[in-house]
Amino acid sequence: MKYTTKFQLSGLTCGACEKVITKRLQVIEGVEKVQVSAQNGETSIIASRAISKDEVTEALQGTHYTVINSL
């Protein structure tokens, strides 16, 4: 079973931001695909399990990106 989880992020402004966030989120256990949109300020994560807001927040620690909420 695949789970898709979406989050709204702040601090996301360009393609370079998309790449940094993608790299950070791909290391979360179970993540198979990450899509990030600077235009919408959103990320979509496809994984083998549900990914929590706390896990995304932890993966983005040390950057200026923050999770606003789950979508």
PDB file of N, CA and C in Angstrom:
ATOM      1  N   MET A   1       0.843  -1.179   0.000  1.00  0.00           N
ATOM      2  CA  MET A   1       0.000   0.000   0.000  1.00  0.00           C
ATOM      3  C   MET A   1       0.886   1.240   0.000  1.00  0.00           C
ATOM      4  N   LYS A   2       0.502   2.239  -0.767  1.00  0.00           N
ATOM      5  CA  LYS A   2       1.218   3.511  -0.846  1.00  0.00           C
ATOM      6  C   LYS A   2       0.420   4.584  -0.117  1.00  0.00           C
ATOM      7  N   TYR A   3       1.134   5.453   0.560  1.00  0.00           N
ATOM      8  CA  TYR A   3       0.521   6.575   1.262  1.00  0.00           C
ATOM      9  C   TYR A   3       1.029   7.870   0.634  1.00  0.00           C
ATOM     10  N   THR A   4       0.127   8.797   0.396  1.00  0.00           N
ATOM     11  CA  THR A   4       0.511  10.121  -0.095  1.00  0.00           C
ATOM     12  C   THR A   4       0.179  11.128   0.984  1.00  0.00           C
ATOM     13  N   THR A   5       1.189  11.889   1.374  1.00  0.00           N
ATOM     14  CA  THR A   5       1.023  12.898   2.401  1.00  0.00           C
ATOM     15  C   THR A   5       1.464  14.234   1.829  1.00  0.00           C
ATOM     16  N   LYS A   6       0.680  15.276   2.083  1.00  0.00           N
ATOM     17  CA  LYS A   6       1.010  16.605   1.564  1.00  0.00           C
ATOM     18  C   LYS A   6       1.141  17.593   2.711  1.00  0.00           C
ATOM     19  N   PHE A   7       2.108  18.499   2.540  1.00  0.00           N
ATOM     20  CA  PHE A   7       2.349  19.527   3.547  1.00  0.00           C
ATOM     21  C   PHE A   7       2.535  20.882   2.885  1.00  0.00           C
ATOM     22  N   GLN A   8       2.096  21.922   3.576  1.00  0.00           N
ATOM     23  CA  GLN A   8       2.362  23.288   3.142  1.00  0.00           C
ATOM     24  C   GLN A   8       3.610  23.747   3.887  1.00  0.00           C
ATOM     25  N   LEU A   9       4.555  24.342   3.154  1.00  0.00           N
ATOM     26  CA  LEU A   9       5.817  24.775   3.730  1.00  0.00           C
ATOM     27  C   LEU A   9       5.991  26.283   3.599  1.00  0.00           C
ATOM     28  N   SER A  10       6.783  26.861   4.494  1.00  0.00           N
ATOM     29  CA  SER A  10       7.150  28.268   4.348  1.00  0.00           C
ATOM     30  C   SER A  10       8.633  28.345   4.026  1.00  0.00           C
ATOM     31  N   GLY A  11       9.041  29.451   3.378  1.00  0.00           N
ATOM     32  CA  GLY A  11      10.432  29.663   3.026  1.00  0.00           C
ATOM     33  C   GLY A  11      10.807  29.120   1.662  1.00  0.00           C
ATOM     34  N   LEU A  12       9.848  28.537   0.973  1.00  0.00           N
ATOM     35  CA  LEU A  12      10.067  27.892  -0.321  1.00  0.00           C
ATOM     36  C   LEU A  12       9.841  28.915  -1.432  1.00  0.00           C
ATOM     37  N   THR A  13      10.921  29.263  -2.181  1.00  0.00           N
ATOM     38  CA  THR A  13      10.784  30.333  -3.171  1.00  0.00           C
ATOM     39  C   THR A  13      11.275  30.004  -4.569  1.00  0.00           C
ATOM     40  N   CYS A  14      12.096  28.939  -4.733  1.00  0.00           N
ATOM     41  CA  CYS A  14      12.699  28.725  -6.049  1.00  0.00           C
ATOM     42  C   CYS A  14      13.038  27.247  -6.288  1.00  0.00           C
ATOM     43  N   GLY A  15      13.587  26.991  -7.462  1.00  0.00           N
ATOM     44  CA  GLY A  15      13.976  25.636  -7.826  1.00  0.00           C
ATOM     45  C   GLY A  15      15.055  25.058  -6.929  1.00  0.00           C
ATOM     46  N   ALA A  16      15.988  25.913  -6.487  1.00  0.00           N
ATOM     47  CA  ALA A  16      17.034  25.440  -5.573  1.00  0.00           C
ATOM     48  C   ALA A  16      16.411  24.978  -4.260  1.00  0.00           C
ATOM     49  N   CYS A  17      15.391  25.691  -3.795  1.00  0.00           N
ATOM     50  CA  CYS A  17      14.668  25.293  -2.573  1.00  0.00           C
ATOM     51  C   CYS A  17      14.036  23.916  -2.772  1.00  0.00           C
ATOM     52  N   GLU A  18      13.442  23.715  -3.933  1.00  0.00           N
ATOM     53  CA  GLU A  18      12.813  22.433  -4.232  1.00  0.00           C
ATOM     54  C   GLU A  18      13.819  21.284  -4.122  1.00  0.00           C
ATOM     55  N   LYS A  19      15.030  21.507  -4.640  1.00  0.00           N
ATOM     56  CA  LYS A  19      16.059  20.462  -4.619  1.00  0.00           C
ATOM     57  C   LYS A  19      16.525  20.158  -3.193  1.00  0.00           C
ATOM     58  N   VAL A  20      16.730  21.198  -2.399  1.00  0.00           N
ATOM     59  CA  VAL A  20      17.175  21.000  -1.013  1.00  0.00           C
ATOM     60  C   VAL A  20      16.129  20.214  -0.232  1.00  0.00           C
ATOM     61  N   ILE A  21      14.874  20.624  -0.355  1.00  0.00           N
ATOM     62  CA  ILE A  21      13.792  19.959   0.379  1.00  0.00           C
ATOM     63  C   ILE A  21      13.644  18.508  -0.082  1.00  0.00           C
ATOM     64  N   THR A  22      13.706  18.287  -1.378  1.00  0.00           N
ATOM     65  CA  THR A  22      13.596  16.928  -1.913  1.00  0.00           C
ATOM     66  C   THR A  22      14.674  16.037  -1.323  1.00  0.00           C
ATOM     67  N   LYS A  23      15.925  16.496  -1.318  1.00  0.00           N
ATOM     68  CA  LYS A  23      17.029  15.710  -0.756  1.00  0.00           C
ATOM     69  C   LYS A  23      16.800  15.402   0.718  1.00  0.00           C
ATOM     70  N   ARG A  24      16.351  16.390   1.467  1.00  0.00           N
ATOM     71  CA  ARG A  24      16.133  16.208   2.910  1.00  0.00           C
ATOM     72  C   ARG A  24      15.032  15.191   3.189  1.00  0.00           C
ATOM     73  N   LEU A  25      13.955  15.242   2.396  1.00  0.00           N
ATOM     74  CA  LEU A  25      12.806  14.375   2.665  1.00  0.00           C
ATOM     75  C   LEU A  25      12.998  12.954   2.149  1.00  0.00           C
ATOM     76  N   GLN A  26      13.837  12.781   1.145  1.00  0.00           N
ATOM     77  CA  GLN A  26      14.060  11.446   0.584  1.00  0.00           C
ATOM     78  C   GLN A  26      14.753  10.500   1.556  1.00  0.00           C
ATOM     79  N   VAL A  27      15.393  11.034   2.588  1.00  0.00           N
ATOM     80  CA  VAL A  27      16.088  10.164   3.539  1.00  0.00           C
ATOM     81  C   VAL A  27      15.173   9.626   4.640  1.00  0.00           C
ATOM     82  N   ILE A  28      13.933  10.105   4.695  1.00  0.00           N
ATOM     83  CA  ILE A  28      12.985   9.590   5.683  1.00  0.00           C
ATOM     84  C   ILE A  28      12.655   8.142   5.318  1.00  0.00           C
ATOM     85  N   GLU A  29      12.691   7.275   6.311  1.00  0.00           N
ATOM     86  CA  GLU A  29      12.434   5.851   6.080  1.00  0.00           C
ATOM     87  C   GLU A  29      11.064   5.634   5.427  1.00  0.00           C
ATOM     88  N   GLY A  30      11.057   4.872   4.340  1.00  0.00           N
ATOM     89  CA  GLY A  30       9.816   4.530   3.656  1.00  0.00           C
ATOM     90  C   GLY A  30       9.448   5.465   2.512  1.00  0.00           C
ATOM     91  N   VAL A  31      10.120   6.606   2.392  1.00  0.00           N
ATOM     92  CA  VAL A  31       9.796   7.565   1.332  1.00  0.00           C
ATOM     93  C   VAL A  31      10.275   7.021  -0.012  1.00  0.00           C
ATOM     94  N   GLU A  32       9.367   7.045  -0.990  1.00  0.00           N
ATOM     95  CA  GLU A  32       9.683   6.548  -2.318  1.00  0.00           C
ATOM     96  C   GLU A  32       9.794   7.674  -3.340  1.00  0.00           C
ATOM     97  N   LYS A  33       8.994   8.721  -3.154  1.00  0.00           N
ATOM     98  CA  LYS A  33       9.008   9.826  -4.115  1.00  0.00           C
ATOM     99  C   LYS A  33       8.617  11.115  -3.396  1.00  0.00           C
ATOM    100  N   VAL A  34       9.300  12.203  -3.771  1.00  0.00           N
ATOM    101  CA  VAL A  34       9.004  13.511  -3.200  1.00  0.00           C
ATOM    102  C   VAL A  34       8.792  14.483  -4.351  1.00  0.00           C
ATOM    103  N   GLN A  35       7.717  15.237  -4.297  1.00  0.00           N
ATOM    104  CA  GLN A  35       7.462  16.301  -5.264  1.00  0.00           C
ATOM    105  C   GLN A  35       7.319  17.592  -4.475  1.00  0.00           C
ATOM    106  N   VAL A  36       8.055  18.614  -4.895  1.00  0.00           N
ATOM    107  CA  VAL A  36       8.035  19.897  -4.203  1.00  0.00           C
ATOM    108  C   VAL A  36       7.687  20.981  -5.210  1.00  0.00           C
ATOM    109  N   SER A  37       6.784  21.881  -4.838  1.00  0.00           N
ATOM    110  CA  SER A  37       6.390  22.991  -5.700  1.00  0.00           C
ATOM    111  C   SER A  37       6.640  24.320  -4.990  1.00  0.00           C
ATOM    112  N   ALA A  38       7.634  25.062  -5.490  1.00  0.00           N
ATOM    113  CA  ALA A  38       7.904  26.397  -4.934  1.00  0.00           C
ATOM    114  C   ALA A  38       6.739  27.323  -5.242  1.00  0.00           C
ATOM    115  N   GLN A  39       6.113  27.129  -6.382  1.00  0.00           N
ATOM    116  CA  GLN A  39       4.992  27.971  -6.800  1.00  0.00           C
ATOM    117  C   GLN A  39       3.825  27.874  -5.813  1.00  0.00           C
ATOM    118  N   ASN A  40       3.540  26.662  -5.348  1.00  0.00           N
ATOM    119  CA  ASN A  40       2.421  26.451  -4.428  1.00  0.00           C
ATOM    120  C   ASN A  40       2.849  26.412  -2.963  1.00  0.00           C
ATOM    121  N   GLY A  41       4.166  26.288  -2.722  1.00  0.00           N
ATOM    122  CA  GLY A  41       4.657  26.169  -1.347  1.00  0.00           C
ATOM    123  C   GLY A  41       4.245  24.855  -0.708  1.00  0.00           C
ATOM    124  N   GLU A  42       4.198  23.800  -1.536  1.00  0.00           N
ATOM    125  CA  GLU A  42       3.727  22.504  -1.048  1.00  0.00           C
ATOM    126  C   GLU A  42       4.695  21.389  -1.398  1.00  0.00           C
ATOM    127  N   THR A  43       4.631  20.333  -0.620  1.00  0.00           N
ATOM    128  CA  THR A  43       5.355  19.108  -0.931  1.00  0.00           C
ATOM    129  C   THR A  43       4.394  17.926  -0.826  1.00  0.00           C
ATOM    130  N   SER A  44       4.605  16.971  -1.704  1.00  0.00           N
ATOM    131  CA  SER A  44       3.819  15.749  -1.713  1.00  0.00           C
ATOM    132  C   SER A  44       4.794  14.589  -1.565  1.00  0.00           C
ATOM    133  N   ILE A  45       4.519  13.719  -0.611  1.00  0.00           N
ATOM    134  CA  ILE A  45       5.419  12.598  -0.316  1.00  0.00           C
ATOM    135  C   ILE A  45       4.659  11.292  -0.532  1.00  0.00           C
ATOM    136  N   ILE A  46       5.220  10.433  -1.364  1.00  0.00           N
ATOM    137  CA  ILE A  46       4.664   9.097  -1.567  1.00  0.00           C
ATOM    138  C   ILE A  46       5.579   8.133  -0.832  1.00  0.00           C
ATOM    139  N   ALA A  47       4.991   7.320   0.041  1.00  0.00           N
ATOM    140  CA  ALA A  47       5.786   6.436   0.882  1.00  0.00           C
ATOM    141  C   ALA A  47       5.058   5.124   1.134  1.00  0.00           C
ATOM    142  N   SER A  48       5.807   4.192   1.684  1.00  0.00           N
ATOM    143  CA  SER A  48       5.239   2.879   2.006  1.00  0.00           C
ATOM    144  C   SER A  48       4.475   2.918   3.327  1.00  0.00           C
ATOM    145  N   ARG A  49       4.529   4.074   3.995  1.00  0.00           N
ATOM    146  CA  ARG A  49       3.813   4.256   5.260  1.00  0.00           C
ATOM    147  C   ARG A  49       3.441   5.735   5.382  1.00  0.00           C
ATOM    148  N   ALA A  50       2.599   6.046   6.328  1.00  0.00           N
ATOM    149  CA  ALA A  50       2.215   7.440   6.554  1.00  0.00           C
ATOM    150  C   ALA A  50       3.404   8.207   7.128  1.00  0.00           C
ATOM    151  N   ILE A  51       3.647   9.388   6.613  1.00  0.00           N
ATOM    152  CA  ILE A  51       4.738  10.245   7.075  1.00  0.00           C
ATOM    153  C   ILE A  51       4.123  11.365   7.911  1.00  0.00           C
ATOM    154  N   SER A  52       4.655  11.567   9.101  1.00  0.00           N
ATOM    155  CA  SER A  52       4.083  12.560  10.012  1.00  0.00           C
ATOM    156  C   SER A  52       4.694  13.943   9.813  1.00  0.00           C
ATOM    157  N   LYS A  53       3.968  14.934  10.275  1.00  0.00           N
ATOM    158  CA  LYS A  53       4.448  16.324  10.254  1.00  0.00           C
ATOM    159  C   LYS A  53       5.752  16.435  11.042  1.00  0.00           C
ATOM    160  N   ASP A  54       5.846  15.734  12.161  1.00  0.00           N
ATOM    161  CA  ASP A  54       7.054  15.774  12.990  1.00  0.00           C
ATOM    162  C   ASP A  54       8.277  15.235  12.236  1.00  0.00           C
ATOM    163  N   GLU A  55       8.081  14.188  11.447  1.00  0.00           N
ATOM    164  CA  GLU A  55       9.192  13.624  10.681  1.00  0.00           C
ATOM    165  C   GLU A  55       9.692  14.615   9.630  1.00  0.00           C
ATOM    166  N   VAL A  56       8.762  15.296   8.978  1.00  0.00           N
ATOM    167  CA  VAL A  56       9.139  16.291   7.965  1.00  0.00           C
ATOM    168  C   VAL A  56       9.839  17.464   8.638  1.00  0.00           C
ATOM    169  N   THR A  57       9.303  17.913   9.771  1.00  0.00           N
ATOM    170  CA  THR A  57       9.917  19.007  10.521  1.00  0.00           C
ATOM    171  C   THR A  57      11.345  18.642  10.916  1.00  0.00           C
ATOM    172  N   GLU A  58      11.539  17.423  11.389  1.00  0.00           N
ATOM    173  CA  GLU A  58      12.871  16.978  11.795  1.00  0.00           C
ATOM    174  C   GLU A  58      13.827  16.921  10.602  1.00  0.00           C
ATOM    175  N   ALA A  59      13.345  16.443   9.458  1.00  0.00           N
ATOM    176  CA  ALA A  59      14.182  16.346   8.259  1.00  0.00           C
ATOM    177  C   ALA A  59      14.611  17.727   7.762  1.00  0.00           C
ATOM    178  N   LEU A  60      13.789  18.729   8.008  1.00  0.00           N
ATOM    179  CA  LEU A  60      14.089  20.088   7.551  1.00  0.00           C
ATOM    180  C   LEU A  60      14.838  20.921   8.594  1.00  0.00           C
ATOM    181  N   GLN A  61      15.142  20.322   9.730  1.00  0.00           N
ATOM    182  CA  GLN A  61      15.858  21.025  10.787  1.00  0.00           C
ATOM    183  C   GLN A  61      17.202  21.520  10.263  1.00  0.00           C
ATOM    184  N   GLY A  62      17.567  22.741  10.646  1.00  0.00           N
ATOM    185  CA  GLY A  62      18.823  23.319  10.194  1.00  0.00           C
ATOM    186  C   GLY A  62      18.689  24.095   8.897  1.00  0.00           C
ATOM    187  N   THR A  63      17.492  24.111   8.330  1.00  0.00           N
ATOM    188  CA  THR A  63      17.210  24.918   7.141  1.00  0.00           C
ATOM    189  C   THR A  63      16.239  26.022   7.559  1.00  0.00           C
ATOM    190  N   HIS A  64      15.929  26.915   6.637  1.00  0.00           N
ATOM    191  CA  HIS A  64      14.944  27.955   6.966  1.00  0.00           C
ATOM    192  C   HIS A  64      13.528  27.558   6.528  1.00  0.00           C
ATOM    193  N   TYR A  65      13.337  26.322   6.110  1.00  0.00           N
ATOM    194  CA  TYR A  65      12.019  25.830   5.699  1.00  0.00           C
ATOM    195  C   TYR A  65      11.279  25.271   6.907  1.00  0.00           C
ATOM    196  N   THR A  66      10.008  25.582   6.996  1.00  0.00           N
ATOM    197  CA  THR A  66       9.198  25.057   8.093  1.00  0.00           C
ATOM    198  C   THR A  66       7.884  24.522   7.565  1.00  0.00           C
ATOM    199  N   VAL A  67       7.339  23.549   8.286  1.00  0.00           N
ATOM    200  CA  VAL A  67       6.041  22.974   7.930  1.00  0.00           C
ATOM    201  C   VAL A  67       4.953  23.849   8.548  1.00  0.00           C
ATOM    202  N   ILE A  68       4.061  24.349   7.710  1.00  0.00           N
ATOM    203  CA  ILE A  68       2.941  25.156   8.206  1.00  0.00           C
ATOM    204  C   ILE A  68       1.813  24.248   8.655  1.00  0.00           C
ATOM    205  N   ASN A  69       1.430  23.314   7.782  1.00  0.00           N
ATOM    206  CA  ASN A  69       0.368  22.368   8.152  1.00  0.00           C
ATOM    207  C   ASN A  69       0.301  21.220   7.165  1.00  0.00           C
ATOM    208  N   SER A  70      -0.478  20.206   7.508  1.00  0.00           N
ATOM    209  CA  SER A  70      -0.744  19.085   6.630  1.00  0.00           C
ATOM    210  C   SER A  70      -1.892  19.470   5.716  1.00  0.00           C
ATOM    211  N   LEU A  71      -1.858  18.963   4.502  1.00  0.00           N
ATOM    212  CA  LEU A  71      -2.942  19.253   3.554  1.00  0.00           C
ATOM    213  C   LEU A  71      -3.782  18.011   3.316  1.00  0.00           C
TER     214      LEU A  71
END
